[in-house]
Amino acid sequence: MPQIPEGRNWLKPGEVAERAGVAVSTLHYYESLGLISSRRTSGNRREYRRDTLRVLAFIRSAQRVGVSLDRVKEALDQLPRKGLPTKKDWARISRQWHDELTERIEYLTGLRDRFSDCIGCGCLSLKSCPYSNPDDALGAGGQGPRRFP
C-alpha cells in the first residue's frame, strides 16, 4: 500500500479509496449519505481531507459489528465540524454504543450456541422461533410477510 506524504492534507479519491480498502463509488455513496465530505478543486475534481481515512475506518468497523449507516451518521453528526475529533469524542460514541453492542453480542452468542439445534429442529415456526420472530413481534402486524427488525 503506497504511503501518503505526511504534509498532504487533501487527497484524491483514488488515494483515499485504495488506502481505506473501498471503491471510489463507495466514497461517493458515503458522501451522498452525509457520512464524509469533499471539496472541489478548480478543475471540479473531488478531494478528501486526510482525516477522512479515520472516518472511513470507523464506518467500516461499525458495519462489521452490524451498526447501520443511519446510526453511524448519528454518531458522526456529534463530532466537531471544525478540527479533528479527539480521543474523547470517539470515547463518547463508544460509550453510547456499549449497551447496544453488548446486547448484540449476547444475542449472537446464544444463536451460535444453539444454532445446530435451531436449524435442525424442523419446527419451521416463525410464530414461536426465538431467533426469527422473538415474542411474535411480526404477528402484531397482521398476516403476510413482514420485514425483520
N, C-alpha and C. Protein backbone atom coordinates (compact mmCIF):
# COMPACT_ATOMS: atom_id res chain seq x y z
N MET A 1 0.85 -1.17 0.00
CA MET A 1 0.00 0.00 0.00
C MET A 1 0.90 1.24 0.00
N PRO A 2 0.68 2.15 -0.94
CA PRO A 2 1.54 3.33 -1.02
C PRO A 2 1.33 4.25 0.18
N GLN A 3 2.43 4.82 0.62
CA GLN A 3 2.37 5.79 1.71
C GLN A 3 1.95 7.15 1.14
N ILE A 4 1.20 7.88 1.92
CA ILE A 4 0.79 9.22 1.53
C ILE A 4 1.71 10.18 2.27
N PRO A 5 2.37 11.08 1.55
CA PRO A 5 3.30 12.00 2.21
C PRO A 5 2.63 12.74 3.38
N GLU A 6 3.37 12.89 4.45
CA GLU A 6 2.86 13.45 5.71
C GLU A 6 2.25 14.84 5.54
N GLY A 7 2.83 15.68 4.72
CA GLY A 7 2.37 17.06 4.62
C GLY A 7 1.11 17.28 3.81
N ARG A 8 0.62 16.29 3.12
CA ARG A 8 -0.55 16.46 2.27
C ARG A 8 -1.82 16.31 3.09
N ASN A 9 -2.64 17.35 3.10
CA ASN A 9 -3.89 17.31 3.85
C ASN A 9 -5.09 16.96 2.99
N TRP A 10 -4.97 17.10 1.67
CA TRP A 10 -6.08 16.80 0.75
C TRP A 10 -5.64 15.70 -0.19
N LEU A 11 -6.50 14.69 -0.33
CA LEU A 11 -6.17 13.51 -1.10
C LEU A 11 -7.17 13.28 -2.22
N LYS A 12 -6.69 12.68 -3.29
CA LYS A 12 -7.55 12.33 -4.42
C LYS A 12 -8.42 11.14 -4.04
N PRO A 13 -9.60 11.02 -4.65
CA PRO A 13 -10.48 9.89 -4.33
C PRO A 13 -9.81 8.53 -4.48
N GLY A 14 -9.02 8.34 -5.53
CA GLY A 14 -8.34 7.06 -5.73
C GLY A 14 -7.37 6.74 -4.60
N GLU A 15 -6.68 7.76 -4.09
CA GLU A 15 -5.76 7.55 -2.98
C GLU A 15 -6.51 7.13 -1.71
N VAL A 16 -7.60 7.84 -1.45
CA VAL A 16 -8.40 7.54 -0.26
C VAL A 16 -9.00 6.13 -0.37
N ALA A 17 -9.56 5.83 -1.53
CA ALA A 17 -10.19 4.53 -1.73
C ALA A 17 -9.19 3.40 -1.56
N GLU A 18 -8.02 3.53 -2.17
CA GLU A 18 -7.02 2.47 -2.06
C GLU A 18 -6.55 2.30 -0.62
N ARG A 19 -6.28 3.40 0.02
CA ARG A 19 -5.78 3.35 1.40
C ARG A 19 -6.84 2.78 2.35
N ALA A 20 -8.12 3.11 2.13
CA ALA A 20 -9.20 2.66 3.01
C ALA A 20 -9.72 1.27 2.63
N GLY A 21 -9.36 0.79 1.46
CA GLY A 21 -9.83 -0.53 1.03
C GLY A 21 -11.27 -0.54 0.57
N VAL A 22 -11.70 0.56 -0.02
CA VAL A 22 -13.07 0.65 -0.56
C VAL A 22 -12.99 1.13 -2.01
N ALA A 23 -14.09 1.02 -2.71
CA ALA A 23 -14.16 1.52 -4.08
C ALA A 23 -14.43 3.03 -4.06
N VAL A 24 -14.03 3.70 -5.11
CA VAL A 24 -14.31 5.14 -5.22
C VAL A 24 -15.82 5.37 -5.18
N SER A 25 -16.58 4.46 -5.77
CA SER A 25 -18.05 4.60 -5.75
C SER A 25 -18.58 4.55 -4.31
N THR A 26 -17.90 3.83 -3.43
CA THR A 26 -18.29 3.79 -2.02
C THR A 26 -18.09 5.16 -1.39
N LEU A 27 -17.00 5.83 -1.73
CA LEU A 27 -16.77 7.19 -1.23
C LEU A 27 -17.91 8.11 -1.66
N HIS A 28 -18.30 8.01 -2.92
CA HIS A 28 -19.39 8.85 -3.43
C HIS A 28 -20.70 8.53 -2.70
N TYR A 29 -20.94 7.24 -2.47
CA TYR A 29 -22.16 6.83 -1.76
C TYR A 29 -22.16 7.37 -0.34
N TYR A 30 -21.05 7.19 0.38
CA TYR A 30 -20.96 7.70 1.75
C TYR A 30 -21.13 9.22 1.77
N GLU A 31 -20.60 9.87 0.76
CA GLU A 31 -20.75 11.32 0.69
C GLU A 31 -22.21 11.70 0.46
N SER A 32 -22.93 10.95 -0.37
CA SER A 32 -24.34 11.24 -0.63
C SER A 32 -25.18 11.06 0.64
N LEU A 33 -24.71 10.19 1.55
CA LEU A 33 -25.42 9.98 2.83
C LEU A 33 -25.00 10.99 3.89
N GLY A 34 -24.00 11.80 3.60
CA GLY A 34 -23.53 12.78 4.57
C GLY A 34 -22.56 12.21 5.59
N LEU A 35 -21.98 11.04 5.32
CA LEU A 35 -21.04 10.43 6.25
C LEU A 35 -19.65 11.04 6.12
N ILE A 36 -19.27 11.41 4.92
CA ILE A 36 -18.00 12.07 4.66
C ILE A 36 -18.27 13.25 3.74
N SER A 37 -17.27 14.12 3.60
CA SER A 37 -17.44 15.26 2.70
C SER A 37 -16.15 15.48 1.92
N SER A 38 -16.29 16.20 0.83
CA SER A 38 -15.14 16.52 -0.02
C SER A 38 -15.22 17.98 -0.40
N ARG A 39 -14.17 18.43 -1.03
CA ARG A 39 -14.19 19.76 -1.65
C ARG A 39 -13.92 19.57 -3.13
N ARG A 40 -14.21 20.59 -3.88
CA ARG A 40 -13.96 20.54 -5.33
C ARG A 40 -12.76 21.42 -5.65
N THR A 41 -11.91 20.90 -6.53
CA THR A 41 -10.75 21.67 -6.99
C THR A 41 -11.21 22.64 -8.07
N SER A 42 -10.29 23.48 -8.52
CA SER A 42 -10.63 24.41 -9.61
C SER A 42 -11.00 23.65 -10.87
N GLY A 43 -10.52 22.42 -11.02
CA GLY A 43 -10.87 21.57 -12.16
C GLY A 43 -12.12 20.73 -11.89
N ASN A 44 -12.85 21.05 -10.82
CA ASN A 44 -14.09 20.39 -10.42
C ASN A 44 -13.90 18.91 -10.07
N ARG A 45 -12.75 18.59 -9.52
CA ARG A 45 -12.50 17.22 -9.05
C ARG A 45 -12.60 17.18 -7.54
N ARG A 46 -13.05 16.04 -7.04
CA ARG A 46 -13.17 15.88 -5.59
C ARG A 46 -11.81 15.70 -4.94
N GLU A 47 -11.71 16.21 -3.71
CA GLU A 47 -10.58 15.93 -2.84
C GLU A 47 -11.14 15.73 -1.44
N TYR A 48 -10.53 14.79 -0.72
CA TYR A 48 -10.97 14.49 0.65
C TYR A 48 -9.86 14.86 1.62
N ARG A 49 -10.28 15.38 2.77
CA ARG A 49 -9.30 15.67 3.81
C ARG A 49 -8.69 14.36 4.28
N ARG A 50 -7.46 14.44 4.68
CA ARG A 50 -6.71 13.26 5.12
C ARG A 50 -7.43 12.52 6.25
N ASP A 51 -8.07 13.25 7.15
CA ASP A 51 -8.74 12.60 8.29
C ASP A 51 -9.98 11.81 7.87
N THR A 52 -10.36 11.89 6.61
CA THR A 52 -11.46 11.06 6.09
C THR A 52 -11.10 9.58 6.22
N LEU A 53 -9.80 9.28 6.17
CA LEU A 53 -9.36 7.89 6.32
C LEU A 53 -9.77 7.33 7.68
N ARG A 54 -9.66 8.14 8.73
CA ARG A 54 -10.06 7.69 10.06
C ARG A 54 -11.57 7.48 10.13
N VAL A 55 -12.31 8.38 9.51
CA VAL A 55 -13.77 8.25 9.50
C VAL A 55 -14.18 6.99 8.74
N LEU A 56 -13.51 6.72 7.63
CA LEU A 56 -13.82 5.51 6.86
C LEU A 56 -13.51 4.25 7.67
N ALA A 57 -12.43 4.26 8.42
CA ALA A 57 -12.10 3.11 9.28
C ALA A 57 -13.20 2.92 10.32
N PHE A 58 -13.70 4.01 10.87
CA PHE A 58 -14.79 3.95 11.84
C PHE A 58 -16.05 3.37 11.21
N ILE A 59 -16.40 3.84 10.03
CA ILE A 59 -17.59 3.37 9.33
C ILE A 59 -17.48 1.86 9.07
N ARG A 60 -16.36 1.43 8.55
CA ARG A 60 -16.18 0.01 8.22
C ARG A 60 -16.20 -0.86 9.47
N SER A 61 -15.60 -0.39 10.55
CA SER A 61 -15.62 -1.14 11.81
C SER A 61 -17.04 -1.26 12.34
N ALA A 62 -17.78 -0.17 12.28
CA ALA A 62 -19.16 -0.18 12.76
C ALA A 62 -20.01 -1.14 11.94
N GLN A 63 -19.82 -1.13 10.64
CA GLN A 63 -20.57 -2.04 9.78
C GLN A 63 -20.24 -3.50 10.08
N ARG A 64 -18.99 -3.78 10.39
CA ARG A 64 -18.58 -5.17 10.68
C ARG A 64 -19.31 -5.73 11.90
N VAL A 65 -19.66 -4.86 12.84
CA VAL A 65 -20.38 -5.34 14.03
C VAL A 65 -21.88 -5.12 13.91
N GLY A 66 -22.35 -4.76 12.71
CA GLY A 66 -23.78 -4.69 12.46
C GLY A 66 -24.44 -3.36 12.73
N VAL A 67 -23.68 -2.30 12.90
CA VAL A 67 -24.27 -0.98 13.13
C VAL A 67 -24.70 -0.41 11.78
N SER A 68 -25.92 0.07 11.72
CA SER A 68 -26.45 0.61 10.46
C SER A 68 -25.77 1.93 10.10
N LEU A 69 -25.81 2.25 8.82
CA LEU A 69 -25.23 3.53 8.38
C LEU A 69 -26.00 4.71 8.97
N ASP A 70 -27.28 4.54 9.24
CA ASP A 70 -28.05 5.61 9.90
C ASP A 70 -27.49 5.90 11.29
N ARG A 71 -27.19 4.84 12.04
CA ARG A 71 -26.61 5.00 13.39
C ARG A 71 -25.21 5.59 13.30
N VAL A 72 -24.46 5.18 12.28
CA VAL A 72 -23.12 5.73 12.08
C VAL A 72 -23.23 7.23 11.83
N LYS A 73 -24.19 7.63 10.99
CA LYS A 73 -24.37 9.06 10.71
C LYS A 73 -24.73 9.82 11.96
N GLU A 74 -25.62 9.28 12.78
CA GLU A 74 -25.98 9.94 14.05
C GLU A 74 -24.73 10.18 14.89
N ALA A 75 -23.85 9.19 14.94
CA ALA A 75 -22.63 9.32 15.72
C ALA A 75 -21.69 10.37 15.10
N LEU A 76 -21.51 10.30 13.80
CA LEU A 76 -20.61 11.24 13.14
C LEU A 76 -21.12 12.67 13.23
N ASP A 77 -22.43 12.84 13.27
CA ASP A 77 -23.00 14.18 13.40
C ASP A 77 -22.67 14.82 14.74
N GLN A 78 -22.25 14.02 15.71
CA GLN A 78 -21.88 14.54 17.03
C GLN A 78 -20.43 15.03 17.08
N LEU A 79 -19.65 14.70 16.07
CA LEU A 79 -18.25 15.10 16.06
C LEU A 79 -18.12 16.57 15.68
N PRO A 80 -17.05 17.21 16.12
CA PRO A 80 -16.88 18.63 15.80
C PRO A 80 -16.77 18.86 14.30
N ARG A 81 -17.38 19.94 13.84
CA ARG A 81 -17.34 20.27 12.41
C ARG A 81 -15.98 20.84 12.02
N LYS A 82 -15.36 21.55 12.93
CA LYS A 82 -14.04 22.14 12.65
C LYS A 82 -13.00 21.43 13.49
N GLY A 83 -11.88 21.18 12.89
CA GLY A 83 -10.81 20.50 13.61
C GLY A 83 -11.03 19.00 13.59
N LEU A 84 -10.08 18.30 14.15
CA LEU A 84 -10.12 16.84 14.16
C LEU A 84 -10.80 16.34 15.42
N PRO A 85 -11.55 15.25 15.32
CA PRO A 85 -12.14 14.65 16.52
C PRO A 85 -11.03 14.18 17.46
N THR A 86 -11.29 14.33 18.75
CA THR A 86 -10.31 13.92 19.75
C THR A 86 -10.61 12.50 20.22
N LYS A 87 -9.70 11.96 20.99
CA LYS A 87 -9.91 10.65 21.60
C LYS A 87 -11.16 10.69 22.48
N LYS A 88 -11.39 11.81 23.13
CA LYS A 88 -12.57 11.99 23.99
C LYS A 88 -13.86 11.91 23.16
N ASP A 89 -13.85 12.50 21.97
CA ASP A 89 -15.02 12.44 21.08
C ASP A 89 -15.34 11.00 20.70
N TRP A 90 -14.32 10.23 20.31
CA TRP A 90 -14.52 8.84 19.92
C TRP A 90 -14.96 8.00 21.12
N ALA A 91 -14.43 8.29 22.31
CA ALA A 91 -14.81 7.55 23.52
C ALA A 91 -16.28 7.78 23.86
N ARG A 92 -16.78 8.99 23.64
CA ARG A 92 -18.19 9.30 23.90
C ARG A 92 -19.09 8.45 23.01
N ILE A 93 -18.74 8.32 21.75
CA ILE A 93 -19.51 7.48 20.83
C ILE A 93 -19.46 6.02 21.28
N SER A 94 -18.29 5.58 21.67
CA SER A 94 -18.13 4.20 22.14
C SER A 94 -19.03 3.93 23.33
N ARG A 95 -19.10 4.85 24.27
CA ARG A 95 -19.97 4.67 25.45
C ARG A 95 -21.44 4.60 25.03
N GLN A 96 -21.82 5.40 24.07
CA GLN A 96 -23.22 5.40 23.62
C GLN A 96 -23.61 4.06 22.99
N TRP A 97 -22.68 3.41 22.33
CA TRP A 97 -22.96 2.15 21.65
C TRP A 97 -22.72 0.94 22.52
N HIS A 98 -22.15 1.11 23.69
CA HIS A 98 -21.76 -0.01 24.54
C HIS A 98 -22.90 -0.98 24.81
N ASP A 99 -24.02 -0.49 25.31
CA ASP A 99 -25.14 -1.37 25.66
C ASP A 99 -25.71 -2.07 24.44
N GLU A 100 -25.84 -1.34 23.34
CA GLU A 100 -26.37 -1.94 22.11
C GLU A 100 -25.46 -3.06 21.61
N LEU A 101 -24.16 -2.83 21.64
CA LEU A 101 -23.23 -3.85 21.17
C LEU A 101 -23.19 -5.04 22.13
N THR A 102 -23.28 -4.78 23.42
CA THR A 102 -23.32 -5.86 24.40
C THR A 102 -24.54 -6.74 24.17
N GLU A 103 -25.69 -6.13 23.93
CA GLU A 103 -26.92 -6.88 23.65
C GLU A 103 -26.77 -7.72 22.38
N ARG A 104 -26.17 -7.14 21.36
CA ARG A 104 -25.97 -7.85 20.10
C ARG A 104 -25.02 -9.04 20.30
N ILE A 105 -23.97 -8.84 21.08
CA ILE A 105 -23.02 -9.92 21.37
C ILE A 105 -23.72 -11.06 22.09
N GLU A 106 -24.54 -10.74 23.08
CA GLU A 106 -25.27 -11.76 23.83
C GLU A 106 -26.22 -12.52 22.92
N TYR A 107 -26.90 -11.83 22.04
CA TYR A 107 -27.82 -12.47 21.10
C TYR A 107 -27.06 -13.42 20.18
N LEU A 108 -25.96 -12.94 19.61
CA LEU A 108 -25.19 -13.76 18.68
C LEU A 108 -24.54 -14.96 19.39
N THR A 109 -24.13 -14.77 20.62
CA THR A 109 -23.56 -15.87 21.39
C THR A 109 -24.62 -16.95 21.60
N GLY A 110 -25.82 -16.55 21.97
CA GLY A 110 -26.92 -17.51 22.14
C GLY A 110 -27.25 -18.22 20.84
N LEU A 111 -27.28 -17.47 19.76
CA LEU A 111 -27.56 -18.07 18.46
C LEU A 111 -26.47 -19.08 18.09
N ARG A 112 -25.23 -18.69 18.29
CA ARG A 112 -24.12 -19.60 17.99
C ARG A 112 -24.23 -20.90 18.80
N ASP A 113 -24.53 -20.75 20.08
CA ASP A 113 -24.57 -21.91 20.97
C ASP A 113 -25.75 -22.84 20.68
N ARG A 114 -26.82 -22.32 20.10
CA ARG A 114 -28.00 -23.14 19.83
C ARG A 114 -28.30 -23.27 18.34
N PHE A 115 -27.39 -22.84 17.50
CA PHE A 115 -27.65 -22.79 16.07
C PHE A 115 -27.95 -24.17 15.47
N SER A 116 -27.17 -25.16 15.80
CA SER A 116 -27.40 -26.51 15.25
C SER A 116 -28.77 -27.02 15.64
N ASP A 117 -29.14 -26.85 16.91
CA ASP A 117 -30.45 -27.29 17.36
C ASP A 117 -31.55 -26.53 16.64
N CYS A 118 -31.36 -25.24 16.47
CA CYS A 118 -32.38 -24.40 15.85
C CYS A 118 -32.59 -24.81 14.39
N ILE A 119 -31.53 -24.93 13.64
CA ILE A 119 -31.65 -25.28 12.23
C ILE A 119 -32.18 -26.70 12.09
N GLY A 120 -31.76 -27.60 12.98
CA GLY A 120 -32.16 -28.99 12.88
C GLY A 120 -33.50 -29.31 13.50
N CYS A 121 -34.15 -28.33 14.16
CA CYS A 121 -35.38 -28.65 14.88
C CYS A 121 -36.53 -28.96 13.93
N GLY A 122 -36.55 -28.36 12.78
CA GLY A 122 -37.59 -28.65 11.80
C GLY A 122 -38.95 -28.06 12.12
N CYS A 123 -39.03 -27.20 13.13
CA CYS A 123 -40.35 -26.68 13.50
C CYS A 123 -40.91 -25.73 12.45
N LEU A 124 -40.05 -25.03 11.79
CA LEU A 124 -40.47 -24.04 10.79
C LEU A 124 -41.52 -23.08 11.33
N SER A 125 -41.46 -22.82 12.62
CA SER A 125 -42.45 -21.96 13.24
C SER A 125 -41.91 -20.54 13.38
N LEU A 126 -42.38 -19.68 12.51
CA LEU A 126 -41.99 -18.29 12.65
C LEU A 126 -42.72 -17.64 13.83
N LYS A 127 -43.78 -18.28 14.29
CA LYS A 127 -44.52 -17.72 15.40
C LYS A 127 -43.81 -17.93 16.73
N SER A 128 -43.19 -19.11 16.90
CA SER A 128 -42.58 -19.39 18.19
C SER A 128 -41.06 -19.34 18.18
N CYS A 129 -40.42 -19.17 17.04
CA CYS A 129 -38.96 -19.19 16.98
C CYS A 129 -38.36 -17.96 17.65
N PRO A 130 -37.51 -18.16 18.66
CA PRO A 130 -36.93 -17.02 19.36
C PRO A 130 -35.90 -16.26 18.53
N TYR A 131 -35.47 -16.81 17.40
CA TYR A 131 -34.48 -16.15 16.57
C TYR A 131 -35.10 -15.43 15.37
N SER A 132 -36.05 -16.08 14.72
CA SER A 132 -36.66 -15.48 13.55
C SER A 132 -37.73 -14.46 13.92
N ASN A 133 -38.39 -14.66 15.06
CA ASN A 133 -39.52 -13.81 15.42
C ASN A 133 -39.70 -13.76 16.93
N PRO A 134 -38.77 -13.14 17.65
CA PRO A 134 -38.88 -13.12 19.11
C PRO A 134 -40.19 -12.48 19.57
N ASP A 135 -40.87 -13.15 20.50
CA ASP A 135 -42.13 -12.68 21.08
C ASP A 135 -43.21 -12.43 20.04
N ASP A 136 -43.15 -13.12 18.91
CA ASP A 136 -44.10 -12.98 17.80
C ASP A 136 -44.32 -11.51 17.44
N ALA A 137 -43.23 -10.75 17.42
CA ALA A 137 -43.31 -9.32 17.09
C ALA A 137 -43.91 -9.09 15.71
N LEU A 138 -43.65 -9.99 14.78
CA LEU A 138 -44.17 -9.80 13.42
C LEU A 138 -45.66 -10.07 13.33
N GLY A 139 -46.17 -10.89 14.23
CA GLY A 139 -47.59 -11.22 14.22
C GLY A 139 -48.47 -10.01 14.51
N ALA A 140 -47.93 -9.03 15.22
CA ALA A 140 -48.70 -7.83 15.56
C ALA A 140 -49.07 -7.03 14.31
N GLY A 141 -48.33 -7.25 13.23
CA GLY A 141 -48.59 -6.51 12.00
C GLY A 141 -49.60 -7.16 11.09
N GLY A 142 -50.21 -8.26 11.51
CA GLY A 142 -51.19 -8.95 10.68
C GLY A 142 -50.56 -10.04 9.85
N GLN A 143 -51.36 -10.62 8.97
CA GLN A 143 -50.89 -11.73 8.16
C GLN A 143 -50.04 -11.22 7.01
N GLY A 144 -49.26 -12.14 6.46
CA GLY A 144 -48.42 -11.81 5.31
C GLY A 144 -46.98 -11.59 5.71
N PRO A 145 -46.10 -11.48 4.73
CA PRO A 145 -44.68 -11.32 5.03
C PRO A 145 -44.40 -9.99 5.74
N ARG A 146 -43.45 -10.04 6.62
CA ARG A 146 -43.04 -8.85 7.36
C ARG A 146 -41.52 -8.73 7.29
N ARG A 147 -41.07 -7.52 7.38
CA ARG A 147 -39.64 -7.27 7.38
C ARG A 147 -39.10 -7.49 8.78
N PHE A 148 -37.97 -8.16 8.89
CA PHE A 148 -37.39 -8.43 10.20
C PHE A 148 -36.73 -7.16 10.74
N PRO A 149 -36.86 -6.91 12.05
CA PRO A 149 -36.27 -5.70 12.64
C PRO A 149 -34.76 -5.76 12.65
